[in-house]
Amino acid sequence: MGSLSIWHWIIVIAVVLLLFGRGKISDLMGDVAQGIKAFKKGMQDDDTAEKKPEPVKTIDNNAASSSAARSDVGSKAV
């Protein structure tokens, strides 16, 4: 009672074919295939559009100490 026999499946397929017809089912499968292709293309576009990570910026000790010395000179003058 829990499983369907081959005759049940044949009847279900016959009803589906009668309701939708061969043309509509093939059109539906074509639309599904186009949707899958568009999805794959979109995923590939996302992979190529990823930005490269920016290089790590470091502070040069000489530049930092000279700019600090300039700010000290400017604050003492005021």
PDB file of N, CA and C in Angstrom:
ATOM      1  N   MET A   1       0.821  -1.190   0.000  1.00  0.00           N
ATOM      2  CA  MET A   1       0.000   0.000   0.000  1.00  0.00           C
ATOM      3  C   MET A   1       0.868   1.259   0.000  1.00  0.00           C
ATOM      4  N   GLY A   2       2.088   1.169   0.538  1.00  0.00           N
ATOM      5  CA  GLY A   2       2.946   2.332   0.640  1.00  0.00           C
ATOM      6  C   GLY A   2       3.666   2.674  -0.644  1.00  0.00           C
ATOM      7  N   SER A   3       3.905   1.699  -1.517  1.00  0.00           N
ATOM      8  CA  SER A   3       4.641   1.981  -2.748  1.00  0.00           C
ATOM      9  C   SER A   3       3.701   1.940  -3.950  1.00  0.00           C
ATOM     10  N   LEU A   4       4.125   2.611  -5.001  1.00  0.00           N
ATOM     11  CA  LEU A   4       3.323   2.638  -6.217  1.00  0.00           C
ATOM     12  C   LEU A   4       3.865   1.614  -7.199  1.00  0.00           C
ATOM     13  N   SER A   5       2.975   0.900  -7.839  1.00  0.00           N
ATOM     14  CA  SER A   5       3.394  -0.091  -8.816  1.00  0.00           C
ATOM     15  C   SER A   5       3.639   0.584 -10.160  1.00  0.00           C
ATOM     16  N   ILE A   6       4.096  -0.177 -11.105  1.00  0.00           N
ATOM     17  CA  ILE A   6       4.370   0.350 -12.443  1.00  0.00           C
ATOM     18  C   ILE A   6       3.097   0.877 -13.095  1.00  0.00           C
ATOM     19  N   TRP A   7       1.971   0.265 -12.809  1.00  0.00           N
ATOM     20  CA  TRP A   7       0.711   0.694 -13.408  1.00  0.00           C
ATOM     21  C   TRP A   7       0.294   2.068 -12.878  1.00  0.00           C
ATOM     22  N   HIS A   8       0.572   2.315 -11.631  1.00  0.00           N
ATOM     23  CA  HIS A   8       0.269   3.648 -11.095  1.00  0.00           C
ATOM     24  C   HIS A   8       1.090   4.724 -11.817  1.00  0.00           C
ATOM     25  N   TRP A   9       2.371   4.446 -12.018  1.00  0.00           N
ATOM     26  CA  TRP A   9       3.238   5.408 -12.689  1.00  0.00           C
ATOM     27  C   TRP A   9       2.810   5.625 -14.140  1.00  0.00           C
ATOM     28  N   ILE A  10       2.390   4.560 -14.821  1.00  0.00           N
ATOM     29  CA  ILE A  10       1.925   4.687 -16.215  1.00  0.00           C
ATOM     30  C   ILE A  10       0.685   5.571 -16.284  1.00  0.00           C
ATOM     31  N   ILE A  11      -0.214   5.396 -15.357  1.00  0.00           N
ATOM     32  CA  ILE A  11      -1.439   6.208 -15.334  1.00  0.00           C
ATOM     33  C   ILE A  11      -1.105   7.670 -15.033  1.00  0.00           C
ATOM     34  N   VAL A  12      -0.209   7.904 -14.096  1.00  0.00           N
ATOM     35  CA  VAL A  12       0.175   9.281 -13.748  1.00  0.00           C
ATOM     36  C   VAL A  12       0.832   9.963 -14.956  1.00  0.00           C
ATOM     37  N   ILE A  13       1.714   9.267 -15.639  1.00  0.00           N
ATOM     38  CA  ILE A  13       2.379   9.842 -16.809  1.00  0.00           C
ATOM     39  C   ILE A  13       1.358  10.114 -17.920  1.00  0.00           C
ATOM     40  N   ALA A  14       0.416   9.209 -18.122  1.00  0.00           N
ATOM     41  CA  ALA A  14      -0.612   9.403 -19.152  1.00  0.00           C
ATOM     42  C   ALA A  14      -1.467  10.630 -18.829  1.00  0.00           C
ATOM     43  N   VAL A  15      -1.834  10.810 -17.580  1.00  0.00           N
ATOM     44  CA  VAL A  15      -2.644  11.979 -17.190  1.00  0.00           C
ATOM     45  C   VAL A  15      -1.866  13.271 -17.404  1.00  0.00           C
ATOM     46  N   VAL A  16      -0.592  13.269 -17.028  1.00  0.00           N
ATOM     47  CA  VAL A  16       0.238  14.464 -17.213  1.00  0.00           C
ATOM     48  C   VAL A  16       0.358  14.798 -18.700  1.00  0.00           C
ATOM     49  N   LEU A  17       0.580  13.783 -19.536  1.00  0.00           N
ATOM     50  CA  LEU A  17       0.676  14.026 -20.973  1.00  0.00           C
ATOM     51  C   LEU A  17      -0.644  14.537 -21.544  1.00  0.00           C
ATOM     52  N   LEU A  18      -1.757  14.019 -21.060  1.00  0.00           N
ATOM     53  CA  LEU A  18      -3.057  14.490 -21.541  1.00  0.00           C
ATOM     54  C   LEU A  18      -3.314  15.933 -21.117  1.00  0.00           C
ATOM     55  N   LEU A  19      -2.938  16.282 -19.911  1.00  0.00           N
ATOM     56  CA  LEU A  19      -3.190  17.638 -19.430  1.00  0.00           C
ATOM     57  C   LEU A  19      -2.290  18.667 -20.101  1.00  0.00           C
ATOM     58  N   PHE A  20      -1.007  18.367 -20.198  1.00  0.00           N
ATOM     59  CA  PHE A  20      -0.054  19.354 -20.687  1.00  0.00           C
ATOM     60  C   PHE A  20       0.312  19.165 -22.149  1.00  0.00           C
ATOM     61  N   GLY A  21       0.260  17.963 -22.650  1.00  0.00           N
ATOM     62  CA  GLY A  21       0.651  17.699 -24.030  1.00  0.00           C
ATOM     63  C   GLY A  21       2.165  17.707 -24.182  1.00  0.00           C
ATOM     64  N   ARG A  22       2.639  17.118 -25.269  1.00  0.00           N
ATOM     65  CA  ARG A  22       4.085  17.013 -25.484  1.00  0.00           C
ATOM     66  C   ARG A  22       4.720  18.373 -25.708  1.00  0.00           C
ATOM     67  N   GLY A  23       4.035  19.260 -26.397  1.00  0.00           N
ATOM     68  CA  GLY A  23       4.601  20.570 -26.716  1.00  0.00           C
ATOM     69  C   GLY A  23       4.885  21.408 -25.485  1.00  0.00           C
ATOM     70  N   LYS A  24       3.927  21.424 -24.563  1.00  0.00           N
ATOM     71  CA  LYS A  24       4.109  22.229 -23.363  1.00  0.00           C
ATOM     72  C   LYS A  24       5.206  21.671 -22.472  1.00  0.00           C
ATOM     73  N   ILE A  25       5.321  20.374 -22.392  1.00  0.00           N
ATOM     74  CA  ILE A  25       6.348  19.769 -21.549  1.00  0.00           C
ATOM     75  C   ILE A  25       7.732  20.052 -22.130  1.00  0.00           C
ATOM     76  N   SER A  26       7.883  19.943 -23.448  1.00  0.00           N
ATOM     77  CA  SER A  26       9.190  20.219 -24.039  1.00  0.00           C
ATOM     78  C   SER A  26       9.546  21.697 -23.924  1.00  0.00           C
ATOM     79  N   ASP A  27       8.558  22.579 -24.055  1.00  0.00           N
ATOM     80  CA  ASP A  27       8.808  24.007 -23.859  1.00  0.00           C
ATOM     81  C   ASP A  27       9.223  24.292 -22.414  1.00  0.00           C
ATOM     82  N   LEU A  28       8.569  23.628 -21.489  1.00  0.00           N
ATOM     83  CA  LEU A  28       8.894  23.802 -20.075  1.00  0.00           C
ATOM     84  C   LEU A  28      10.326  23.334 -19.788  1.00  0.00           C
ATOM     85  N   MET A  29      10.714  22.198 -20.355  1.00  0.00           N
ATOM     86  CA  MET A  29      12.071  21.694 -20.155  1.00  0.00           C
ATOM     87  C   MET A  29      13.101  22.626 -20.795  1.00  0.00           C
ATOM     88  N   GLY A  30      12.768  23.211 -21.942  1.00  0.00           N
ATOM     89  CA  GLY A  30      13.668  24.172 -22.576  1.00  0.00           C
ATOM     90  C   GLY A  30      13.856  25.421 -21.721  1.00  0.00           C
ATOM     91  N   ASP A  31      12.766  25.879 -21.109  1.00  0.00           N
ATOM     92  CA  ASP A  31      12.846  27.047 -20.230  1.00  0.00           C
ATOM     93  C   ASP A  31      13.695  26.737 -18.991  1.00  0.00           C
ATOM     94  N   VAL A  32      13.539  25.546 -18.455  1.00  0.00           N
ATOM     95  CA  VAL A  32      14.341  25.147 -17.291  1.00  0.00           C
ATOM     96  C   VAL A  32      15.821  25.098 -17.669  1.00  0.00           C
ATOM     97  N   ALA A  33      16.124  24.563 -18.834  1.00  0.00           N
ATOM     98  CA  ALA A  33      17.517  24.484 -19.286  1.00  0.00           C
ATOM     99  C   ALA A  33      18.105  25.878 -19.482  1.00  0.00           C
ATOM    100  N   GLN A  34      17.345  26.803 -20.037  1.00  0.00           N
ATOM    101  CA  GLN A  34      17.828  28.169 -20.218  1.00  0.00           C
ATOM    102  C   GLN A  34      18.057  28.845 -18.874  1.00  0.00           C
ATOM    103  N   GLY A  35      17.200  28.575 -17.917  1.00  0.00           N
ATOM    104  CA  GLY A  35      17.376  29.139 -16.581  1.00  0.00           C
ATOM    105  C   GLY A  35      18.642  28.631 -15.921  1.00  0.00           C
ATOM    106  N   ILE A  36      18.931  27.340 -16.084  1.00  0.00           N
ATOM    107  CA  ILE A  36      20.147  26.770 -15.512  1.00  0.00           C
ATOM    108  C   ILE A  36      21.381  27.375 -16.170  1.00  0.00           C
ATOM    109  N   LYS A  37      21.342  27.537 -17.499  1.00  0.00           N
ATOM    110  CA  LYS A  37      22.480  28.138 -18.207  1.00  0.00           C
ATOM    111  C   LYS A  37      22.699  29.580 -17.755  1.00  0.00           C
ATOM    112  N   ALA A  38      21.618  30.330 -17.587  1.00  0.00           N
ATOM    113  CA  ALA A  38      21.745  31.715 -17.145  1.00  0.00           C
ATOM    114  C   ALA A  38      22.310  31.786 -15.729  1.00  0.00           C
ATOM    115  N   PHE A  39      21.907  30.866 -14.882  1.00  0.00           N
ATOM    116  CA  PHE A  39      22.420  30.823 -13.514  1.00  0.00           C
ATOM    117  C   PHE A  39      23.915  30.525 -13.507  1.00  0.00           C
ATOM    118  N   LYS A  40      24.342  29.557 -14.304  1.00  0.00           N
ATOM    119  CA  LYS A  40      25.769  29.217 -14.376  1.00  0.00           C
ATOM    120  C   LYS A  40      26.579  30.386 -14.911  1.00  0.00           C
ATOM    121  N   LYS A  41      26.054  31.073 -15.929  1.00  0.00           N
ATOM    122  CA  LYS A  41      26.760  32.221 -16.488  1.00  0.00           C
ATOM    123  C   LYS A  41      26.866  33.332 -15.446  1.00  0.00           C
ATOM    124  N   GLY A  42      25.824  33.541 -14.685  1.00  0.00           N
ATOM    125  CA  GLY A  42      25.854  34.545 -13.631  1.00  0.00           C
ATOM    126  C   GLY A  42      26.865  34.208 -12.547  1.00  0.00           C
ATOM    127  N   MET A  43      26.981  32.933 -12.215  1.00  0.00           N
ATOM    128  CA  MET A  43      27.965  32.525 -11.213  1.00  0.00           C
ATOM    129  C   MET A  43      29.380  32.745 -11.728  1.00  0.00           C
ATOM    130  N   GLN A  44      29.622  32.496 -13.009  1.00  0.00           N
ATOM    131  CA  GLN A  44      30.949  32.709 -13.584  1.00  0.00           C
ATOM    132  C   GLN A  44      31.274  34.201 -13.640  1.00  0.00           C
ATOM    133  N   ASP A  45      30.277  35.032 -13.921  1.00  0.00           N
ATOM    134  CA  ASP A  45      30.491  36.477 -13.950  1.00  0.00           C
ATOM    135  C   ASP A  45      30.856  36.993 -12.563  1.00  0.00           C
ATOM    136  N   ASP A  46      30.249  36.447 -11.521  1.00  0.00           N
ATOM    137  CA  ASP A  46      30.571  36.859 -10.161  1.00  0.00           C
ATOM    138  C   ASP A  46      32.003  36.499  -9.805  1.00  0.00           C
ATOM    139  N   ASP A  47      32.475  35.353 -10.267  1.00  0.00           N
ATOM    140  CA  ASP A  47      33.842  34.939  -9.958  1.00  0.00           C
ATOM    141  C   ASP A  47      34.859  35.855 -10.620  1.00  0.00           C
ATOM    142  N   THR A  48      34.588  36.298 -11.843  1.00  0.00           N
ATOM    143  CA  THR A  48      35.542  37.151 -12.544  1.00  0.00           C
ATOM    144  C   THR A  48      35.449  38.589 -12.061  1.00  0.00           C
ATOM    145  N   ALA A  49      34.330  38.989 -11.479  1.00  0.00           N
ATOM    146  CA  ALA A  49      34.147  40.364 -11.033  1.00  0.00           C
ATOM    147  C   ALA A  49      34.721  40.613  -9.636  1.00  0.00           C
ATOM    148  N   GLU A  50      35.209  39.587  -8.973  1.00  0.00           N
ATOM    149  CA  GLU A  50      35.763  39.784  -7.635  1.00  0.00           C
ATOM    150  C   GLU A  50      36.972  40.702  -7.710  1.00  0.00           C
ATOM    151  N   LYS A  51      37.046  41.589  -6.754  1.00  0.00           N
ATOM    152  CA  LYS A  51      38.159  42.525  -6.727  1.00  0.00           C
ATOM    153  C   LYS A  51      39.377  41.858  -6.110  1.00  0.00           C
ATOM    154  N   LYS A  52      40.530  42.289  -6.596  1.00  0.00           N
ATOM    155  CA  LYS A  52      41.764  41.799  -6.010  1.00  0.00           C
ATOM    156  C   LYS A  52      41.954  42.519  -4.675  1.00  0.00           C
ATOM    157  N   PRO A  53      42.439  41.831  -3.665  1.00  0.00           N
ATOM    158  CA  PRO A  53      42.638  42.495  -2.382  1.00  0.00           C
ATOM    159  C   PRO A  53      43.725  43.568  -2.483  1.00  0.00           C
ATOM    160  N   GLU A  54      43.493  44.659  -1.780  1.00  0.00           N
ATOM    161  CA  GLU A  54      44.460  45.743  -1.797  1.00  0.00           C
ATOM    162  C   GLU A  54      45.698  45.333  -0.998  1.00  0.00           C
ATOM    163  N   PRO A  55      46.850  45.810  -1.412  1.00  0.00           N
ATOM    164  CA  PRO A  55      48.054  45.466  -0.649  1.00  0.00           C
ATOM    165  C   PRO A  55      48.001  46.117   0.730  1.00  0.00           C
ATOM    166  N   VAL A  56      48.651  45.489   1.670  1.00  0.00           N
ATOM    167  CA  VAL A  56      48.662  45.990   3.041  1.00  0.00           C
ATOM    168  C   VAL A  56      49.503  47.255   3.083  1.00  0.00           C
ATOM    169  N   LYS A  57      48.938  48.289   3.685  1.00  0.00           N
ATOM    170  CA  LYS A  57      49.648  49.556   3.783  1.00  0.00           C
ATOM    171  C   LYS A  57      50.445  49.570   5.086  1.00  0.00           C
ATOM    172  N   THR A  58      51.700  49.941   4.978  1.00  0.00           N
ATOM    173  CA  THR A  58      52.542  50.027   6.166  1.00  0.00           C
ATOM    174  C   THR A  58      52.964  51.470   6.370  1.00  0.00           C
ATOM    175  N   ILE A  59      53.273  51.793   7.591  1.00  0.00           N
ATOM    176  CA  ILE A  59      53.731  53.133   7.915  1.00  0.00           C
ATOM    177  C   ILE A  59      55.248  53.105   7.953  1.00  0.00           C
ATOM    178  N   ASP A  60      55.845  53.989   7.209  1.00  0.00           N
ATOM    179  CA  ASP A  60      57.296  54.098   7.192  1.00  0.00           C
ATOM    180  C   ASP A  60      57.723  54.832   8.469  1.00  0.00           C
ATOM    181  N   ASN A  61      58.622  54.252   9.242  1.00  0.00           N
ATOM    182  CA  ASN A  61      59.035  54.845  10.505  1.00  0.00           C
ATOM    183  C   ASN A  61      59.665  56.218  10.305  1.00  0.00           C
ATOM    184  N   ASN A  62      60.454  56.406   9.275  1.00  0.00           N
ATOM    185  CA  ASN A  62      61.084  57.697   9.039  1.00  0.00           C
ATOM    186  C   ASN A  62      60.048  58.765   8.726  1.00  0.00           C
ATOM    187  N   ALA A  63      59.061  58.429   7.924  1.00  0.00           N
ATOM    188  CA  ALA A  63      58.033  59.393   7.568  1.00  0.00           C
ATOM    189  C   ALA A  63      57.157  59.702   8.776  1.00  0.00           C
ATOM    190  N   ALA A  64      56.870  58.694   9.599  1.00  0.00           N
ATOM    191  CA  ALA A  64      56.027  58.905  10.773  1.00  0.00           C
ATOM    192  C   ALA A  64      56.740  59.775  11.795  1.00  0.00           C
ATOM    193  N   SER A  65      58.020  59.548  12.017  1.00  0.00           N
ATOM    194  CA  SER A  65      58.741  60.334  13.012  1.00  0.00           C
ATOM    195  C   SER A  65      58.950  61.767  12.542  1.00  0.00           C
ATOM    196  N   SER A  66      59.163  61.986  11.241  1.00  0.00           N
ATOM    197  CA  SER A  66      59.351  63.349  10.750  1.00  0.00           C
ATOM    198  C   SER A  66      58.045  64.124  10.786  1.00  0.00           C
ATOM    199  N   SER A  67      56.915  63.469  10.513  1.00  0.00           N
ATOM    200  CA  SER A  67      55.640  64.173  10.579  1.00  0.00           C
ATOM    201  C   SER A  67      55.265  64.463  12.022  1.00  0.00           C
ATOM    202  N   ALA A  68      55.652  63.589  12.961  1.00  0.00           N
ATOM    203  CA  ALA A  68      55.395  63.849  14.371  1.00  0.00           C
ATOM    204  C   ALA A  68      56.244  65.009  14.856  1.00  0.00           C
ATOM    205  N   ALA A  69      57.468  65.084  14.384  1.00  0.00           N
ATOM    206  CA  ALA A  69      58.348  66.186  14.768  1.00  0.00           C
ATOM    207  C   ALA A  69      57.811  67.490  14.222  1.00  0.00           C
ATOM    208  N   ARG A  70      57.246  67.486  13.041  1.00  0.00           N
ATOM    209  CA  ARG A  70      56.662  68.698  12.479  1.00  0.00           C
ATOM    210  C   ARG A  70      55.477  69.169  13.278  1.00  0.00           C
ATOM    211  N   SER A  71      54.641  68.230  13.726  1.00  0.00           N
ATOM    212  CA  SER A  71      53.477  68.619  14.500  1.00  0.00           C
ATOM    213  C   SER A  71      53.882  69.148  15.876  1.00  0.00           C
ATOM    214  N   ASP A  72      54.982  68.621  16.450  1.00  0.00           N
ATOM    215  CA  ASP A  72      55.482  69.126  17.751  1.00  0.00           C
ATOM    216  C   ASP A  72      55.993  70.548  17.590  1.00  0.00           C
ATOM    217  N   VAL A  73      56.683  70.826  16.514  1.00  0.00           N
ATOM    218  CA  VAL A  73      57.227  72.158  16.267  1.00  0.00           C
ATOM    219  C   VAL A  73      56.098  73.153  16.089  1.00  0.00           C
ATOM    220  N   GLY A  74      55.050  72.721  15.369  1.00  0.00           N
ATOM    221  CA  GLY A  74      53.926  73.607  15.117  1.00  0.00           C
ATOM    222  C   GLY A  74      53.151  73.897  16.390  1.00  0.00           C
ATOM    223  N   SER A  75      53.027  72.945  17.304  1.00  0.00           N
ATOM    224  CA  SER A  75      52.260  73.160  18.529  1.00  0.00           C
ATOM    225  C   SER A  75      53.011  74.031  19.505  1.00  0.00           C
ATOM    226  N   LYS A  76      54.340  73.987  19.510  1.00  0.00           N
ATOM    227  CA  LYS A  76      55.136  74.820  20.424  1.00  0.00           C
ATOM    228  C   LYS A  76      55.151  76.266  19.958  1.00  0.00           C
ATOM    229  N   ALA A  77      55.006  76.486  18.673  1.00  0.00           N
ATOM    230  CA  ALA A  77      55.032  77.842  18.155  1.00  0.00           C
ATOM    231  C   ALA A  77      53.782  78.612  18.503  1.00  0.00           C
ATOM    232  N   VAL A  78      52.686  77.923  18.780  1.00  0.00           N
ATOM    233  CA  VAL A  78      51.419  78.595  19.048  1.00  0.00           C
ATOM    234  C   VAL A  78      51.362  79.146  20.401  1.00  0.00           C
TER     235      VAL A  78
END
